[in-house]
Amino acid sequence: MALFVLAAITTLGNAYAYEDTCSDESCSLILTSLEKIQKNIASLTPVLDLIGELPVYAATSCQQIAYLRKYAPSGLYWIQSNKGPAHVFCDMNNQQCGGGVWTRIADIDMSSPRSTCPRGLKTVTSPKRSCQKTVETGGSSAFFHTYGIPYSKVCGKVIAYQKSTPDAFEPYHKNQHFTVDKCYADGVLLSYGSPREHIWTFAATTDSFHQNRASGCPCGNGAYHGTIPSFVGHDYFCETAVHNERYQYGRIYTENFLWDGTGHGTFPHGCEGTRNPWFMKEFAYGINSDIELRICMDQDWKNEDVLLEKVYLYVQ
């Protein structure tokens, strides 16, 4: 109703702008109609202010809330999902993702005692509270709902602890028939759909001394001996939490984080310096599938693992 009235005002307003071409009678009718619509709009203003505030006033998207309520702040709102009204966080100007309105689909910070791991991963409390895969070897998945609303951009950040000796893209280097459906890297793999389509890869490597091997991170020096899957391209971060020393078998490195942009690795070019830990992937088409996060390792827990501390994901 509100959108219909707004459209009517625009139409009649245009007609009124050209009153010198209408007869006295028609101009009078237009003026009367405009006055009635303006009164109706005034009475509808409180309704517009409620868009997204209650399930009965669920918006079609965060973008619609921002459009109808120009000064609406970032926060929790109700939007109409493919499973009914859903309470979601709308970031009205997400600077980490380049600005604009974004819908948050993942907000995990295991350093907070109130946070819980998503279904498909298990909570561990020692040596750091974090999320771990549920299988010894292979991958464990968690799914984040996108509410059936089309999106063409995904933005986010993943921060984790390293255990022992993950081997980055070496699983793919050894098995180049692997598709995105396989555990092609040691780390965290983001995808959507079935069969899976690649979004982003967070690869973890053993230590800074392994950079030139197939188990390391390519550093732009031409000496890397591994293979990056073509379906990954440049859409990956690769890093180690083991700085200026060789790895220790079975150790969990809690002093440094993976994929925080300050360690030794590739983002995706170069090895040194501070980098933005946020990724952003843009597609040339609309998607409405949920996003899958997999923790993948081709060896057992004692040999290699990553423990998630933070996961933030947004779609637009």
Protein backbone atom coordinates (compact mmCIF):
# COMPACT_ATOMS: atom_id res chain seq x y z
CA MET A 1 0.00 0.00 0.00
CA ALA A 2 2.72 2.47 0.98
CA LEU A 3 4.73 1.78 -2.17
CA PHE A 4 1.58 2.17 -4.30
CA VAL A 5 0.83 5.56 -2.78
CA LEU A 6 4.43 6.70 -3.26
CA ALA A 7 4.23 5.72 -6.91
CA ALA A 8 0.93 7.58 -7.27
CA ILE A 9 2.43 10.75 -5.80
CA THR A 10 5.30 10.57 -8.28
CA THR A 11 2.89 10.16 -11.20
CA LEU A 12 0.50 12.91 -10.14
CA GLY A 13 3.37 15.16 -9.16
CA ASN A 14 4.71 14.96 -12.68
CA ALA A 15 1.29 15.84 -14.08
CA TYR A 16 0.99 18.79 -11.70
CA ALA A 17 4.36 20.06 -12.84
CA TYR A 18 2.82 20.63 -16.24
CA GLU A 19 -0.35 22.34 -15.07
CA ASP A 20 0.01 25.03 -17.72
CA THR A 21 -0.94 22.42 -20.33
CA CYS A 22 -4.10 21.22 -18.54
CA SER A 23 -7.52 22.75 -18.29
CA ASP A 24 -8.72 24.50 -15.14
CA GLU A 25 -10.95 21.54 -14.35
CA SER A 26 -8.26 18.87 -14.81
CA CYS A 27 -5.71 20.88 -12.83
CA SER A 28 -8.22 21.23 -10.01
CA LEU A 29 -8.77 17.48 -9.99
CA ILE A 30 -5.02 16.86 -9.86
CA LEU A 31 -4.60 19.26 -6.95
CA THR A 32 -7.43 17.60 -5.03
CA SER A 33 -5.94 14.15 -5.65
CA LEU A 34 -2.50 15.27 -4.52
CA GLU A 35 -3.87 16.72 -1.30
CA LYS A 36 -5.67 13.48 -0.51
CA ILE A 37 -2.58 11.38 -1.22
CA GLN A 38 -0.36 13.64 0.87
CA LYS A 39 -2.75 13.21 3.80
CA ASN A 40 -2.68 9.44 3.32
CA ILE A 41 1.11 9.45 3.22
CA ALA A 42 1.22 11.36 6.48
CA SER A 43 -0.95 8.69 8.07
CA LEU A 44 1.24 5.93 6.58
CA THR A 45 4.55 7.33 7.86
CA PRO A 46 4.29 5.42 11.19
CA VAL A 47 3.74 2.21 9.19
CA LEU A 48 6.90 2.82 7.14
CA ASP A 49 8.80 3.32 10.39
CA LEU A 50 7.71 -0.18 11.41
CA ILE A 51 9.07 -1.91 8.29
CA GLY A 52 11.39 -4.63 9.57
CA GLU A 53 10.58 -3.99 13.24
CA LEU A 54 8.03 -6.81 13.67
CA PRO A 55 7.39 -10.13 11.88
CA VAL A 56 4.09 -8.78 10.54
CA TYR A 57 6.01 -5.90 8.93
CA ALA A 58 8.87 -8.06 7.62
CA ALA A 59 10.76 -6.42 4.76
CA THR A 60 11.79 -8.20 1.59
CA SER A 61 15.47 -7.47 2.34
CA CYS A 62 17.86 -5.26 4.28
CA GLN A 63 18.12 -3.12 1.15
CA GLN A 64 14.38 -2.46 1.22
CA ILE A 65 14.59 -1.31 4.84
CA ALA A 66 17.40 1.09 3.94
CA TYR A 67 15.38 2.38 0.98
CA LEU A 68 12.11 2.94 2.83
CA ARG A 69 13.71 4.10 6.09
CA LYS A 70 16.52 6.40 5.02
CA TYR A 71 18.07 6.80 8.47
CA ALA A 72 17.54 3.26 9.79
CA PRO A 73 20.64 2.25 11.78
CA SER A 74 22.50 -1.05 11.55
CA GLY A 75 20.85 -3.68 13.72
CA LEU A 76 18.44 -6.59 13.89
CA TYR A 77 15.40 -6.49 11.62
CA TRP A 78 12.73 -8.87 10.37
CA ILE A 79 12.90 -9.85 6.71
CA GLN A 80 10.72 -12.28 4.77
CA SER A 81 12.76 -15.43 4.06
CA ASN A 82 11.83 -18.51 2.08
CA LYS A 83 10.84 -20.09 5.42
CA GLY A 84 8.87 -17.16 6.84
CA PRO A 85 9.96 -14.06 8.80
CA ALA A 86 13.60 -14.21 9.93
CA HIS A 87 15.39 -11.97 12.42
CA VAL A 88 18.64 -10.87 10.76
CA PHE A 89 21.37 -8.29 11.25
CA CYS A 90 21.44 -5.57 8.59
CA ASP A 91 24.67 -3.61 8.30
CA MET A 92 23.59 -0.38 6.66
CA ASN A 93 27.12 0.73 5.74
CA ASN A 94 29.62 -2.09 6.02
CA GLN A 95 32.98 -0.42 5.47
CA GLN A 96 34.90 -3.71 5.78
CA CYS A 97 33.04 -4.88 2.67
CA GLY A 98 33.36 -1.65 0.71
CA GLY A 99 30.28 0.15 2.01
CA GLY A 100 26.61 -0.30 1.22
CA VAL A 101 23.92 -2.45 2.81
CA TRP A 102 24.86 -6.03 3.70
CA THR A 103 23.02 -8.92 5.38
CA ARG A 104 25.03 -10.77 8.00
CA ILE A 105 24.70 -14.55 7.87
CA ALA A 106 27.50 -15.62 10.24
CA ASP A 107 28.65 -14.00 13.48
CA ILE A 108 30.86 -16.37 15.47
CA ASP A 109 33.38 -15.23 18.06
CA MET A 110 34.38 -18.16 20.24
CA SER A 111 36.43 -15.90 22.52
CA SER A 112 33.04 -14.95 23.96
CA PRO A 113 31.68 -17.58 26.39
CA ARG A 114 28.19 -17.01 24.96
CA SER A 115 29.13 -18.05 21.43
CA THR A 116 28.39 -21.55 20.19
CA CYS A 117 29.72 -23.47 17.23
CA PRO A 118 27.36 -23.92 14.29
CA ARG A 119 25.75 -27.28 13.72
CA GLY A 120 28.23 -29.63 12.05
CA LEU A 121 31.24 -28.50 14.10
CA LYS A 122 32.09 -29.24 17.72
CA THR A 123 33.13 -26.92 20.54
CA VAL A 124 36.52 -27.43 22.19
CA THR A 125 37.61 -25.48 25.25
CA SER A 126 41.33 -26.25 25.51
CA PRO A 127 43.80 -24.73 24.91
CA LYS A 128 41.44 -22.11 23.42
CA ARG A 129 37.69 -22.12 23.09
CA SER A 130 37.10 -22.78 19.40
CA CYS A 131 35.28 -24.85 16.76
CA GLN A 132 36.74 -28.09 15.39
CA LYS A 133 35.74 -30.55 12.71
CA THR A 134 33.95 -33.67 13.92
CA VAL A 135 35.87 -36.27 11.88
CA GLU A 136 39.48 -37.41 12.20
CA THR A 137 40.29 -37.17 8.49
CA GLY A 138 38.42 -35.37 5.75
CA GLY A 139 35.93 -32.55 6.15
CA SER A 140 33.15 -31.33 8.42
CA SER A 141 30.58 -28.81 7.20
CA ALA A 142 28.47 -26.03 8.69
CA PHE A 143 25.82 -24.19 6.68
CA PHE A 144 24.86 -20.53 6.96
CA HIS A 145 21.40 -19.55 5.76
CA THR A 146 21.00 -16.74 3.22
CA TYR A 147 17.19 -16.71 3.66
CA GLY A 148 16.53 -17.43 -0.01
CA ILE A 149 17.25 -13.80 -0.90
CA PRO A 150 19.33 -13.39 -4.10
CA TYR A 151 22.87 -12.09 -3.64
CA SER A 152 25.86 -11.57 -5.93
CA LYS A 153 28.56 -10.62 -3.39
CA VAL A 154 30.01 -12.47 -0.40
CA CYS A 155 32.29 -10.78 2.11
CA GLY A 156 33.80 -11.98 5.36
CA LYS A 157 36.62 -12.96 7.63
CA VAL A 158 37.78 -16.27 9.14
CA ILE A 159 40.30 -16.41 11.99
CA ALA A 160 41.67 -19.71 13.34
CA TYR A 161 44.40 -21.43 15.34
CA GLN A 162 46.82 -23.85 13.68
CA LYS A 163 47.61 -27.33 14.94
CA SER A 164 50.78 -29.13 13.86
CA THR A 165 51.44 -29.41 10.09
CA PRO A 166 48.64 -28.57 7.63
CA ASP A 167 49.79 -28.70 4.02
CA ALA A 168 47.91 -25.89 2.22
CA PHE A 169 47.16 -26.97 -1.39
CA GLU A 170 49.27 -30.13 -1.35
CA PRO A 171 46.17 -32.40 -1.32
CA TYR A 172 45.26 -30.98 -4.73
CA HIS A 173 48.86 -31.08 -5.96
CA LYS A 174 48.87 -34.82 -5.30
CA ASN A 175 45.35 -35.38 -6.69
CA GLN A 176 44.75 -32.96 -9.52
CA HIS A 177 41.53 -34.74 -10.51
CA PHE A 178 39.98 -33.28 -7.32
CA THR A 179 37.02 -30.99 -7.88
CA VAL A 180 35.64 -28.39 -5.48
CA ASP A 181 33.55 -31.19 -3.96
CA LYS A 182 36.71 -32.81 -2.58
CA CYS A 183 38.98 -31.70 0.27
CA TYR A 184 41.43 -30.09 -2.14
CA ALA A 185 43.24 -28.03 0.54
CA ASP A 186 44.04 -28.12 4.26
CA GLY A 187 42.08 -25.28 5.82
CA VAL A 188 38.62 -23.73 5.54
CA LEU A 189 36.74 -23.96 2.25
CA LEU A 190 33.71 -21.79 1.41
CA SER A 191 31.25 -22.80 -1.28
CA TYR A 192 27.60 -22.76 -2.26
CA GLY A 193 25.19 -25.05 -4.07
CA SER A 194 25.17 -28.72 -5.02
CA PRO A 195 27.40 -29.60 -6.77
CA ARG A 196 29.55 -27.11 -4.93
CA GLU A 197 30.70 -23.84 -6.48
CA HIS A 198 33.82 -22.20 -5.04
CA ILE A 199 33.65 -18.94 -3.09
CA TRP A 200 36.90 -18.65 -1.11
CA THR A 201 39.69 -20.85 0.29
CA PHE A 202 41.59 -20.26 3.54
CA ALA A 203 44.66 -22.52 3.24
CA ALA A 204 47.03 -23.23 6.16
CA THR A 205 50.65 -24.26 5.73
CA THR A 206 53.20 -25.85 8.04
CA ASP A 207 55.68 -23.03 8.71
CA SER A 208 57.52 -20.23 6.97
CA PHE A 209 60.34 -22.61 5.97
CA HIS A 210 57.97 -24.62 3.75
CA GLN A 211 56.97 -21.74 1.47
CA ASN A 212 58.73 -23.11 -1.62
CA ARG A 213 57.35 -26.63 -1.33
CA ALA A 214 54.10 -28.08 -2.59
CA SER A 215 52.82 -27.91 1.00
CA GLY A 216 53.58 -24.18 1.32
CA CYS A 217 52.09 -20.88 0.22
CA PRO A 218 53.06 -19.34 -3.14
CA CYS A 219 54.89 -16.09 -2.46
CA GLY A 220 55.41 -14.62 -5.89
CA ASN A 221 59.09 -15.57 -6.05
CA GLY A 222 58.73 -18.25 -8.71
CA ALA A 223 59.99 -21.03 -6.43
CA TYR A 224 56.63 -22.48 -5.35
CA HIS A 225 56.33 -26.13 -6.33
CA GLY A 226 52.65 -26.69 -5.59
CA THR A 227 49.50 -26.35 -7.68
CA ILE A 228 46.57 -24.01 -7.09
CA PRO A 229 43.26 -25.42 -8.43
CA SER A 230 41.94 -23.51 -11.44
CA PHE A 231 38.53 -23.24 -9.76
CA VAL A 232 40.22 -21.37 -6.88
CA GLY A 233 42.20 -18.94 -9.01
CA HIS A 234 43.21 -15.94 -6.89
CA ASP A 235 40.28 -16.32 -4.50
CA TYR A 236 42.22 -17.58 -1.49
CA PHE A 237 44.31 -16.64 1.53
CA CYS A 238 47.25 -18.82 2.53
CA GLU A 239 49.13 -18.39 5.79
CA THR A 240 51.00 -20.09 8.62
CA ALA A 241 50.84 -19.33 12.33
CA VAL A 242 54.41 -20.65 12.82
CA HIS A 243 56.81 -17.71 12.47
CA ASN A 244 60.61 -17.85 12.37
CA GLU A 245 60.80 -21.42 13.65
CA ARG A 246 60.16 -24.93 12.43
CA TYR A 247 56.92 -26.65 13.34
CA GLN A 248 56.50 -28.83 16.41
CA TYR A 249 54.48 -31.98 15.91
CA GLY A 250 51.16 -31.97 17.79
CA ARG A 251 51.46 -28.36 18.98
CA ILE A 252 48.52 -25.94 18.80
CA TYR A 253 49.83 -22.45 18.06
CA THR A 254 47.82 -19.98 20.10
CA GLU A 255 50.33 -17.12 19.93
CA ASN A 256 49.49 -16.26 16.31
CA PHE A 257 46.32 -16.50 14.27
CA LEU A 258 45.76 -17.90 10.81
CA TRP A 259 44.38 -15.55 8.11
CA ASP A 260 44.56 -12.40 10.23
CA GLY A 261 46.77 -10.77 7.60
CA THR A 262 49.84 -10.40 9.82
CA GLY A 263 51.51 -13.78 9.43
CA HIS A 264 53.75 -15.36 6.83
CA GLY A 265 51.72 -16.27 3.77
CA THR A 266 50.03 -15.19 0.56
CA PHE A 267 46.99 -12.87 0.25
CA PRO A 268 47.29 -13.97 -2.58
CA HIS A 269 50.52 -12.24 -3.67
CA GLY A 270 53.59 -11.58 -1.53
CA CYS A 271 54.58 -12.88 1.87
CA GLU A 272 55.39 -9.99 4.16
CA GLY A 273 53.53 -7.06 5.68
CA THR A 274 50.06 -6.46 7.04
CA ARG A 275 47.11 -7.29 4.79
CA ASN A 276 43.36 -6.84 5.03
CA PRO A 277 41.98 -10.06 6.54
CA TRP A 278 38.56 -9.46 4.93
CA PHE A 279 37.81 -11.12 1.60
CA MET A 280 35.21 -10.04 -0.95
CA LYS A 281 33.95 -12.18 -3.82
CA GLU A 282 31.64 -10.84 -6.52
CA PHE A 283 29.68 -12.99 -8.96
CA ALA A 284 28.30 -11.98 -12.35
CA TYR A 285 24.95 -13.59 -11.50
CA GLY A 286 22.50 -13.86 -8.62
CA ILE A 287 22.66 -16.71 -6.09
CA ASN A 288 20.16 -17.71 -3.42
CA SER A 289 21.86 -20.81 -2.02
CA ASP A 290 23.05 -21.16 1.56
CA ILE A 291 26.81 -20.92 2.12
CA GLU A 292 28.79 -23.95 3.26
CA LEU A 293 31.90 -23.74 5.42
CA ARG A 294 34.07 -26.87 5.49
CA ILE A 295 37.10 -27.57 7.65
CA CYS A 296 39.21 -29.98 5.60
CA MET A 297 42.36 -31.95 6.45
CA ASP A 298 43.84 -34.95 4.65
CA GLN A 299 45.53 -36.31 7.80
CA ASP A 300 44.34 -37.05 11.34
CA TRP A 301 43.92 -34.60 14.25
CA LYS A 302 47.41 -35.27 15.63
CA ASN A 303 49.07 -34.41 12.34
CA GLU A 304 47.10 -31.31 11.35
CA ASP A 305 44.04 -29.25 12.12
CA VAL A 306 42.65 -25.72 12.34
CA LEU A 307 40.44 -24.50 15.19
CA LEU A 308 38.07 -21.67 14.33
CA GLU A 309 37.82 -18.67 16.62
CA LYS A 310 35.98 -16.13 14.44
CA VAL A 311 33.71 -16.39 11.40
CA TYR A 312 31.95 -13.33 9.95
CA LEU A 313 30.05 -13.63 6.67
CA TYR A 314 27.90 -11.09 4.81
CA VAL A 315 25.97 -11.21 1.55
CA GLN A 316 24.68 -8.46 -0.73
